[in-house]
Protein backbone atom coordinates (compact mmCIF):
# COMPACT_ATOMS: atom_id res chain seq x y z
CA MET A 1 12.51 -20.31 -7.32
CA LYS A 2 11.58 -21.93 -4.02
CA THR A 3 12.35 -20.57 -0.57
CA ILE A 4 12.73 -23.00 2.32
CA ILE A 5 12.07 -21.80 5.87
CA ASN A 6 13.33 -23.92 8.76
CA PRO A 7 11.47 -23.15 12.01
CA GLY A 8 12.86 -22.81 15.50
CA ASN A 9 15.10 -19.74 15.56
CA PRO A 10 13.88 -16.59 17.33
CA ILE A 11 13.89 -13.15 15.66
CA ASN A 12 16.20 -10.86 17.59
CA GLY A 13 17.69 -7.49 16.75
CA THR A 14 17.13 -3.90 15.70
CA LEU A 15 16.49 -2.15 12.40
CA PRO A 16 18.35 -0.36 10.95
CA HIS A 17 20.70 -3.36 11.31
CA GLN A 18 24.47 -3.14 11.71
CA SER A 19 24.77 -4.64 8.23
CA GLN A 20 22.88 -1.55 6.94
CA LEU A 21 19.73 -3.56 6.26
CA ASP A 22 16.55 -1.62 7.00
CA LEU A 23 12.87 -1.30 6.23
CA PRO A 24 12.13 0.13 2.79
CA GLY A 25 10.65 3.62 2.59
CA ASP A 26 6.87 3.65 2.66
CA LYS A 27 5.48 2.44 -0.67
CA SER A 28 2.38 4.63 -0.68
CA LEU A 29 4.39 7.74 0.14
CA SER A 30 7.07 6.86 -2.41
CA HIS A 31 4.52 6.64 -5.22
CA ARG A 32 2.96 9.94 -4.28
CA ALA A 33 6.22 11.78 -3.67
CA ALA A 34 7.65 10.88 -7.09
CA LEU A 35 4.48 11.78 -9.00
CA PHE A 36 3.63 14.91 -7.04
CA ALA A 37 7.22 16.14 -7.40
CA ALA A 38 6.80 15.83 -11.18
CA LEU A 39 3.66 18.00 -10.96
CA ALA A 40 5.50 20.70 -8.99
CA THR A 41 7.59 23.46 -10.53
CA GLY A 42 11.26 23.08 -9.63
CA GLU A 43 13.55 20.50 -8.07
CA SER A 44 12.31 18.12 -5.38
CA LYS A 45 14.59 16.05 -3.14
CA ILE A 46 13.08 12.91 -1.62
CA GLU A 47 15.05 10.82 0.89
CA ASN A 48 14.46 7.12 1.66
CA PHE A 49 12.50 6.54 -1.54
CA GLN A 50 11.47 2.91 -1.98
CA VAL A 51 13.26 1.49 -5.02
CA SER A 52 11.43 -1.74 -5.83
CA GLY A 53 9.35 -3.57 -8.37
CA VAL A 54 6.21 -1.58 -7.60
CA THR A 55 7.78 1.87 -7.85
CA ARG A 56 9.82 1.31 -11.02
CA PRO A 57 6.79 1.53 -13.36
CA LEU A 58 5.97 5.00 -12.03
CA LEU A 59 9.54 6.22 -12.46
CA ASN A 60 9.58 4.84 -16.00
CA ALA A 61 6.25 6.54 -16.71
CA LEU A 62 7.64 9.90 -15.59
CA LYS A 63 10.47 9.53 -18.12
CA GLN A 64 7.89 8.90 -20.85
CA LEU A 65 6.12 12.11 -19.80
CA GLY A 66 9.29 14.15 -20.17
CA VAL A 67 10.16 14.37 -16.46
CA GLU A 68 13.84 14.07 -15.51
CA TRP A 69 14.72 12.28 -12.29
CA TYR A 70 17.88 10.92 -10.69
CA LEU A 71 18.44 8.18 -8.14
CA ASN A 72 21.44 8.06 -5.80
CA GLY A 73 20.83 5.02 -3.61
CA ASN A 74 17.42 5.77 -2.12
CA ARG A 75 17.61 9.54 -2.67
CA LEU A 76 15.35 10.64 -5.52
CA ILE A 77 15.73 14.03 -7.20
CA VAL A 78 12.91 15.06 -9.54
CA GLU A 79 12.94 18.04 -11.91
CA GLY A 80 9.28 19.02 -11.72
CA ARG A 81 7.62 20.33 -14.87
CA GLY A 82 4.24 21.34 -13.51
CA LEU A 83 0.90 20.09 -14.81
CA GLU A 84 1.22 22.08 -18.02
CA GLY A 85 4.75 20.84 -18.71
CA LEU A 86 4.06 17.12 -19.06
CA HIS A 87 4.60 15.73 -22.56
CA PRO A 88 2.27 13.26 -24.28
CA PRO A 89 4.12 9.92 -24.19
CA VAL A 90 5.15 7.98 -27.27
CA GLY A 91 3.17 4.77 -27.01
CA PRO A 92 1.23 3.34 -24.04
CA VAL A 93 2.50 3.81 -20.49
CA ASN A 94 3.16 0.44 -18.87
CA CYS A 95 2.12 0.53 -15.21
CA GLY A 96 3.35 -3.01 -14.60
CA ASN A 97 1.41 -4.71 -11.84
CA SER A 98 0.87 -1.48 -9.88
CA ALA A 99 -2.72 -0.31 -9.53
CA THR A 100 -1.47 2.65 -7.49
CA THR A 101 0.65 3.80 -10.43
CA LEU A 102 -2.23 3.52 -12.90
CA ARG A 103 -4.87 5.17 -10.72
CA LEU A 104 -2.70 8.07 -9.58
CA LEU A 105 -1.38 8.67 -13.09
CA ALA A 106 -4.94 8.69 -14.43
CA GLY A 107 -5.84 11.51 -12.06
CA ALA A 108 -2.70 13.53 -12.74
CA LEU A 109 -2.95 13.16 -16.52
CA ALA A 110 -6.66 14.00 -16.41
CA ALA A 111 -5.62 17.28 -14.78
CA ALA A 112 -2.88 17.81 -17.36
CA GLY A 113 -5.28 17.17 -20.25
CA ILE A 114 -2.81 15.25 -22.42
CA PRO A 115 -3.54 12.12 -24.46
CA VAL A 116 -2.26 8.83 -23.04
CA VAL A 117 -2.98 5.12 -22.86
CA LEU A 118 -2.38 3.54 -19.43
CA ASP A 119 -1.85 -0.21 -19.49
CA GLY A 120 -0.15 -2.91 -17.46
CA SER A 121 0.27 -6.59 -16.71
CA PRO A 122 -2.48 -9.19 -17.17
CA GLY A 123 -2.99 -9.04 -13.40
CA LEU A 124 -3.42 -5.27 -13.49
CA ARG A 125 -5.88 -5.54 -16.37
CA ARG A 126 -8.10 -7.61 -14.06
CA ARG A 127 -8.27 -4.84 -11.44
CA PRO A 128 -11.47 -2.74 -11.41
CA MET A 129 -11.00 0.71 -12.97
CA GLU A 130 -14.58 1.88 -13.47
CA ARG A 131 -14.41 3.18 -9.90
CA ILE A 132 -12.14 5.96 -11.23
CA VAL A 133 -13.37 6.15 -14.83
CA LEU A 134 -17.00 6.97 -14.00
CA PRO A 135 -16.35 9.91 -11.62
CA LEU A 136 -13.61 11.23 -13.93
CA GLN A 137 -16.12 11.23 -16.77
CA ARG A 138 -18.51 13.21 -14.56
CA MET A 139 -15.76 15.79 -14.20
CA GLY A 140 -15.51 16.07 -17.99
CA VAL A 141 -12.39 13.95 -18.44
CA PRO A 142 -12.32 12.25 -21.87
CA ILE A 143 -11.42 8.80 -20.54
CA THR A 144 -12.57 5.27 -21.41
CA ALA A 145 -11.76 1.83 -20.06
CA ALA A 146 -11.40 -1.45 -21.90
CA PRO A 147 -14.49 -3.66 -22.28
CA GLY A 148 -15.16 -5.06 -18.82
CA GLY A 149 -14.07 -1.87 -17.06
CA GLY A 150 -10.35 -2.48 -16.68
CA ALA A 151 -7.09 -1.36 -18.27
CA PRO A 152 -6.02 -0.19 -20.71
CA LEU A 153 -7.45 3.25 -19.96
CA THR A 154 -7.46 5.77 -22.81
CA LEU A 155 -7.42 9.53 -22.18
CA THR A 156 -7.81 11.78 -25.22
CA GLU A 157 -6.50 15.33 -25.41
CA ARG A 158 -8.55 18.04 -23.75
CA ALA A 159 -8.92 21.51 -25.23
CA ALA A 160 -6.51 24.00 -23.65
CA ASP A 161 -9.31 26.40 -22.67
CA TYR A 162 -11.50 23.70 -21.10
CA SER A 163 -11.58 23.35 -17.30
CA LEU A 164 -12.78 20.19 -15.61
CA HIS A 165 -15.97 20.32 -13.56
CA ASN A 166 -15.67 20.25 -9.81
CA ILE A 167 -17.35 17.25 -8.22
CA GLN A 168 -19.30 16.26 -5.12
CA TYR A 169 -18.94 12.50 -5.08
CA THR A 170 -19.50 9.62 -2.66
CA LEU A 171 -17.11 6.70 -3.05
CA PRO A 172 -19.00 3.39 -2.70
CA VAL A 173 -15.96 1.89 -0.90
CA ALA A 174 -13.33 3.82 1.05
CA SER A 175 -10.25 3.84 -1.17
CA ALA A 176 -7.16 6.00 -0.93
CA GLN A 177 -6.25 5.23 -4.55
CA VAL A 178 -9.63 6.33 -5.92
CA LYS A 179 -9.71 9.37 -3.64
CA SER A 180 -6.19 10.36 -4.69
CA CYS A 181 -7.00 9.98 -8.38
CA LEU A 182 -9.99 12.31 -8.09
CA LEU A 183 -8.12 14.83 -5.93
CA LEU A 184 -5.37 15.04 -8.54
CA ALA A 185 -7.91 15.58 -11.31
CA ALA A 186 -9.57 18.26 -9.14
CA LEU A 187 -6.36 20.32 -9.28
CA SER A 188 -7.57 21.50 -12.71
CA ALA A 189 -11.26 21.79 -11.88
CA GLU A 190 -13.26 25.00 -12.06
CA GLY A 191 -14.06 25.06 -8.35
CA THR A 192 -13.88 23.22 -5.04
CA SER A 193 -14.47 19.44 -5.05
CA THR A 194 -15.64 17.32 -2.12
CA LEU A 195 -15.31 13.55 -1.81
CA PHE A 196 -17.18 11.45 0.75
CA GLU A 197 -16.09 8.00 1.99
CA PRO A 198 -17.72 5.48 4.33
CA GLY A 199 -14.40 4.83 6.10
CA PRO A 200 -11.10 6.54 6.96
CA SER A 201 -8.80 5.73 4.01
CA ARG A 202 -5.14 6.73 4.22
CA ASN A 203 -4.55 10.47 3.97
CA HIS A 204 -1.04 10.67 2.50
CA THR A 205 -2.25 12.53 -0.60
CA GLU A 206 -3.95 15.24 1.44
CA ASN A 207 -0.90 15.69 3.69
CA MET A 208 1.50 15.96 0.77
CA LEU A 209 -0.64 18.32 -1.29
CA CYS A 210 -1.03 20.58 1.74
CA ASN A 211 2.75 20.72 2.04
CA MET A 212 2.88 21.76 -1.64
CA GLY A 213 0.53 24.69 -1.16
CA VAL A 214 -2.88 23.18 -1.94
CA GLU A 215 -5.89 23.80 0.30
CA VAL A 216 -7.11 20.33 1.31
CA THR A 217 -9.17 19.53 4.40
CA ASN A 218 -10.52 16.35 6.03
CA ARG A 219 -13.61 16.21 8.25
CA GLN A 220 -15.74 13.58 9.92
CA LEU A 221 -19.47 14.07 9.43
CA LYS A 222 -22.52 12.37 10.93
CA ASP A 223 -25.45 11.25 8.83
CA PRO A 224 -28.28 8.72 9.42
CA SER A 225 -26.05 5.86 8.25
CA GLY A 226 -23.24 6.75 10.66
CA THR A 227 -19.91 8.55 10.29
CA ILE A 228 -18.72 9.60 6.85
CA TYR A 229 -15.37 11.12 5.94
CA ALA A 230 -15.26 14.22 3.75
CA THR A 231 -12.22 15.48 1.85
CA ARG A 232 -12.39 18.93 0.26
CA LEU A 233 -9.90 20.39 -2.26
CA THR A 234 -9.71 23.88 -3.73
CA PRO A 235 -7.58 24.17 -6.89
CA PRO A 236 -4.41 26.17 -6.26
CA ALA A 237 -3.86 29.57 -7.86
CA ALA A 238 -0.08 29.12 -7.85
CA PRO A 239 2.15 26.26 -9.10
CA LEU A 240 2.73 23.34 -6.73
CA GLN A 241 5.80 23.83 -4.54
CA PRO A 242 8.66 21.29 -4.75
CA LEU A 243 9.05 18.64 -2.05
CA ARG A 244 11.80 18.31 0.55
CA PHE A 245 10.79 15.12 2.27
CA SER A 246 12.28 12.08 4.02
CA ILE A 247 9.96 9.10 3.72
CA PRO A 248 9.51 7.03 6.91
CA GLY A 249 9.85 3.25 6.95
CA ASP A 250 6.94 1.31 5.51
CA ILE A 251 4.49 0.20 8.22
CA SER A 252 3.15 -2.47 5.85
CA ALA A 253 6.66 -3.93 5.50
CA ALA A 254 7.19 -3.68 9.25
CA ALA A 255 4.02 -5.72 9.80
CA PHE A 256 5.69 -8.91 8.57
CA LEU A 257 8.59 -8.55 10.98
CA ILE A 258 6.28 -7.65 13.86
CA VAL A 259 4.19 -10.79 13.41
CA ALA A 260 7.35 -12.87 12.92
CA ALA A 261 8.56 -11.76 16.36
CA LEU A 262 5.15 -12.26 17.97
CA ILE A 263 4.73 -15.89 16.87
CA THR A 264 8.35 -17.09 17.25
CA PRO A 265 9.29 -18.01 20.85
CA GLY A 266 12.20 -16.08 22.32
CA SER A 267 11.92 -13.18 19.88
CA GLN A 268 12.60 -9.52 20.64
CA LEU A 269 12.65 -6.86 17.92
CA THR A 270 12.98 -3.07 17.68
CA LEU A 271 12.09 -1.15 14.52
CA ASN A 272 13.11 2.50 14.22
CA GLY A 273 11.86 5.22 11.89
CA VAL A 274 8.57 3.48 11.06
CA GLY A 275 5.67 5.51 9.63
CA LEU A 276 2.84 5.67 12.18
CA ASN A 277 0.10 7.52 10.31
CA ALA A 278 -3.14 6.66 12.16
CA THR A 279 -4.88 5.75 8.90
CA ARG A 280 -2.32 2.92 8.49
CA THR A 281 -1.95 1.46 11.99
CA GLY A 282 -5.06 -0.68 12.23
CA LEU A 283 -3.02 -3.90 12.48
CA LEU A 284 -1.09 -2.55 15.48
CA ASP A 285 -4.36 -1.75 17.25
CA VAL A 286 -5.74 -5.24 16.61
CA LEU A 287 -2.55 -7.01 17.69
CA GLN A 288 -2.49 -5.06 20.96
CA LYS A 289 -6.10 -6.07 21.63
CA MET A 290 -5.04 -9.68 20.97
CA GLY A 291 -2.48 -9.40 23.77
CA ALA A 292 0.66 -8.55 21.81
CA ASP A 293 3.57 -7.18 23.84
CA LEU A 294 3.93 -4.26 21.46
CA GLN A 295 5.12 -0.73 22.32
CA VAL A 296 4.64 2.11 19.83
CA THR A 297 6.35 5.47 20.35
CA VAL A 298 5.87 8.46 18.03
CA LEU A 299 9.11 10.46 17.89
CA THR A 300 8.66 12.80 14.92
CA ASN A 301 5.88 14.33 12.85
CA LYS A 302 6.91 15.94 9.59
CA GLY A 303 4.37 17.14 7.07
CA GLY A 304 1.55 15.35 8.86
CA GLU A 305 3.37 11.98 8.73
CA PRO A 306 4.26 10.74 12.24
CA ALA A 307 7.08 8.23 12.62
CA GLY A 308 8.75 6.48 15.50
CA ARG A 309 9.81 3.25 17.16
CA ILE A 310 8.05 -0.11 17.53
CA THR A 311 9.29 -2.67 20.06
CA VAL A 312 7.81 -6.17 20.06
CA HIS A 313 8.34 -9.36 22.08
CA HIS A 314 7.02 -12.86 21.50
CA SER A 315 3.53 -13.02 22.97
CA PRO A 316 0.65 -15.47 23.39
CA LEU A 317 -2.24 -14.09 21.34
CA GLN A 318 -6.02 -14.31 21.67
CA ALA A 319 -8.48 -14.35 18.75
CA ALA A 320 -10.11 -11.15 17.52
CA GLU A 321 -12.92 -9.93 15.28
CA VAL A 322 -12.17 -7.41 12.53
CA ASN A 323 -14.79 -5.49 10.53
CA GLY A 324 -16.03 -1.97 9.74
CA PRO A 325 -13.66 1.03 9.47
CA LEU A 326 -10.82 -1.05 10.90
CA VAL A 327 -10.75 -3.05 7.65
CA VAL A 328 -9.75 0.07 5.70
CA ARG A 329 -6.99 0.93 8.18
CA MET A 330 -5.32 -2.48 7.71
CA ILE A 331 -6.40 -3.44 4.19
CA ASP A 332 -2.85 -4.35 3.07
CA GLU A 333 -2.05 -6.33 6.21
CA PHE A 334 -4.68 -9.07 6.11
CA PRO A 335 -2.37 -11.78 4.74
CA ILE A 336 0.04 -11.35 7.66
CA PHE A 337 -2.82 -10.80 10.10
CA ALA A 338 -4.15 -14.23 9.09
CA VAL A 339 -0.78 -15.73 10.07
CA ALA A 340 -0.96 -14.07 13.49
CA ALA A 341 -4.54 -15.33 13.91
CA ALA A 342 -3.45 -18.89 13.09
CA PHE A 343 -1.27 -18.83 16.23
CA ALA A 344 -3.90 -17.12 18.43
CA GLN A 345 -6.14 -19.03 20.81
CA GLY A 346 -9.79 -19.05 19.74
CA THR A 347 -11.66 -18.20 16.56
CA THR A 348 -10.74 -15.07 14.65
CA VAL A 349 -13.44 -13.58 12.40
CA VAL A 350 -12.82 -11.18 9.50
CA ARG A 351 -15.90 -9.60 7.91
CA GLU A 352 -16.68 -6.74 5.50
CA ALA A 353 -13.35 -7.24 3.71
CA LYS A 354 -14.59 -8.19 0.24
CA GLU A 355 -12.13 -5.63 -1.22
CA LEU A 356 -9.40 -8.23 -0.57
CA ARG A 357 -10.68 -10.16 -3.58
CA LEU A 358 -9.59 -7.28 -5.85
CA LYS A 359 -5.90 -7.09 -4.91
CA GLU A 360 -2.84 -8.59 -6.66
CA SER A 361 -4.56 -11.92 -6.09
CA ASP A 362 -7.95 -12.83 -4.67
CA ARG A 363 -6.43 -12.59 -1.23
CA ILE A 364 -9.35 -14.20 0.57
CA THR A 365 -9.18 -17.37 -1.52
CA ALA A 366 -5.38 -17.37 -1.70
CA ILE A 367 -4.92 -16.89 2.05
CA CYS A 368 -7.38 -19.65 2.87
CA GLN A 369 -6.00 -22.06 0.30
CA GLU A 370 -2.34 -21.69 1.20
CA LEU A 371 -2.68 -21.57 4.98
CA SER A 372 -4.84 -24.70 4.86
CA HIS A 373 -1.98 -26.42 2.98
CA ILE A 374 0.25 -26.05 6.05
CA GLY A 375 -2.43 -27.20 8.48
CA VAL A 376 -4.26 -24.03 9.52
CA ASP A 377 -7.97 -24.49 10.25
CA ILE A 378 -9.31 -21.65 8.08
CA GLN A 379 -12.67 -21.17 6.42
CA GLU A 380 -13.39 -18.82 3.51
CA THR A 381 -16.49 -16.60 3.59
CA PRO A 382 -17.82 -14.22 0.91
CA ASP A 383 -16.33 -11.15 2.60
CA GLY A 384 -13.57 -12.57 4.80
CA PHE A 385 -12.57 -15.71 6.66
CA LEU A 386 -12.69 -17.59 9.96
CA ILE A 387 -9.56 -19.00 11.59
CA HIS A 388 -9.69 -21.52 14.42
CA GLY A 389 -6.25 -20.87 15.88
CA GLY A 390 -4.01 -22.01 18.65
CA VAL A 391 -2.69 -25.21 17.05
CA CYS A 392 0.83 -24.97 15.68
CA PRO A 393 0.66 -25.52 11.87
CA ARG A 394 2.55 -28.56 10.63
CA GLY A 395 4.36 -27.02 7.62
CA GLY A 396 4.51 -28.08 3.97
CA GLU A 397 4.57 -26.54 0.49
CA VAL A 398 2.72 -23.37 -0.53
CA ASP A 399 2.52 -20.98 -3.47
CA ALA A 400 2.68 -17.16 -3.45
CA HIS A 401 0.15 -16.70 -6.29
CA GLY A 402 2.29 -13.89 -7.72
CA ASP A 403 1.38 -11.73 -4.69
CA HIS A 404 4.21 -10.06 -2.75
CA ARG A 405 2.27 -9.72 0.49
CA LEU A 406 1.09 -13.32 0.43
CA ALA A 407 4.67 -14.44 -0.29
CA MET A 408 6.04 -12.62 2.76
CA SER A 409 3.21 -13.87 4.95
CA LEU A 410 3.87 -17.49 4.04
CA VAL A 411 7.57 -17.07 4.75
CA VAL A 412 6.73 -15.67 8.21
CA ALA A 413 4.33 -18.55 8.89
CA GLY A 414 7.19 -20.97 8.23
CA LEU A 415 9.25 -19.49 11.06
CA ALA A 416 6.97 -21.02 13.71
CA CYS A 417 5.58 -24.20 12.13
CA GLN A 418 6.37 -27.71 13.34
CA GLU A 419 8.26 -28.59 10.15
CA PRO A 420 9.88 -26.61 7.30
CA VAL A 421 7.75 -24.63 4.86
CA THR A 422 8.65 -24.31 1.18
CA VAL A 423 7.28 -21.21 -0.56
CA HIS A 424 7.16 -21.28 -4.35
CA GLY A 425 7.39 -17.83 -5.95
CA ALA A 426 8.78 -16.05 -2.90
CA GLU A 427 10.91 -13.87 -5.20
CA MET A 428 7.78 -11.69 -5.44
CA THR A 429 8.86 -10.18 -2.11
CA ALA A 430 11.14 -7.90 -4.18
CA GLU A 431 8.03 -6.06 -5.40
CA SER A 432 7.81 -4.07 -2.15
CA PHE A 433 10.54 -5.31 0.25
CA PRO A 434 13.64 -6.28 -1.74
CA ASP A 435 15.71 -7.08 1.39
CA PHE A 436 12.99 -9.07 3.15
CA ILE A 437 14.79 -12.43 3.17
CA PRO A 438 18.22 -10.90 4.01
CA VAL A 439 16.64 -8.96 6.89
CA LEU A 440 15.07 -12.10 8.36
CA GLN A 441 18.37 -13.95 7.96
CA ALA A 442 20.26 -11.13 9.69
CA LEU A 443 17.76 -11.29 12.57
CA GLY A 444 18.42 -15.01 13.06
CA SER A 445 16.01 -16.97 10.87
CA LYS A 446 17.09 -20.06 8.93
CA ILE A 447 16.01 -19.46 5.33
CA HIS A 448 17.58 -20.46 2.03
CA THR A 449 16.52 -20.39 -1.61
CA GLU A 450 16.88 -22.91 -4.40
CA LEU A 451 16.27 -22.63 -8.14
């Protein structure tokens, strides 16, 4: 499938839209809510669950583990079985292309102590898994990776009277997925575990576990190398409590619409109900420093997850430099940030972002390759890229590389180029934002698809 974007029309409107189009529920929270509800005892009700390509593998996995769940639109009801109630699956669990699914399941099933093989797509098999396997092994989890350190991961059954070791562990790279995996395993450990990170990774797992009755704390500490971030978990004495939770709109999905409005002349956009967790809003901070006319208002805070309204107008942007802890707070938004930087005056520099090479695609190479195809002056570096912006890209043909975030970013770039942009493989947007193209069309963009 190819998607053709004709430039020139501004993005105007409000979400939720009168046609009932809206942002999807936050992907990270949706993954956690479904899995954590399965680990609780009793019925959980989760509103605004994201139903998409990346969450389906987790839901399917829960069925394999004996967990009953029901979907009514975007309301998810889960009949939690508790850690001790999960059943060994028949055959391998297919995690699709979702590293979040595989890593979180590995931690939960390590705590449960049941035998399982976790596998996925060829793309998922290329993702690094030793970063969870090695610390899990230190905790006494009988887990092995495939040769090369990736999936499939094999967990063998653990003796019923064997408790996992608690752990004091420093993550080499700040990672919410790795941290969450180890925190889940620590639910069955023999004492308190503490994890240290060099940056502030997203804290959705800690917030949700606290709401379920687990003692989890976050602290910033100073050491000779600078600030480190410590997360401490004490295993609960009682079963996890069920969830009653409405998931806010996905800030990572909102990012594409925000940049679309910023770079398209005449645009004005309001997004309501967006998640505004400070560990996820790095892109908003950078865009405001670049001169974006962007207002952010927190209106609610439920269970440690703030949400509110974002209003954005088309704005001239100036180049920026991104590195350090800010990289972690916007790790999923670099493809769309690169599009914003292409329209900003001056040279934008991204450093210390080597983790981008380990996503659904090598996002550094893919971003540089595809944006250069439409006329962006972009230079790849080992841990980031340089963009000499301020010249309107000409347009042309690009490929999504099987990466949903790159696909959406290239579509947005086409809205403000000199000539149309054709994106091959843009159907990948359904992985995390199924209504992405309809939303843009409802807001005024000229986009159509062809087989």
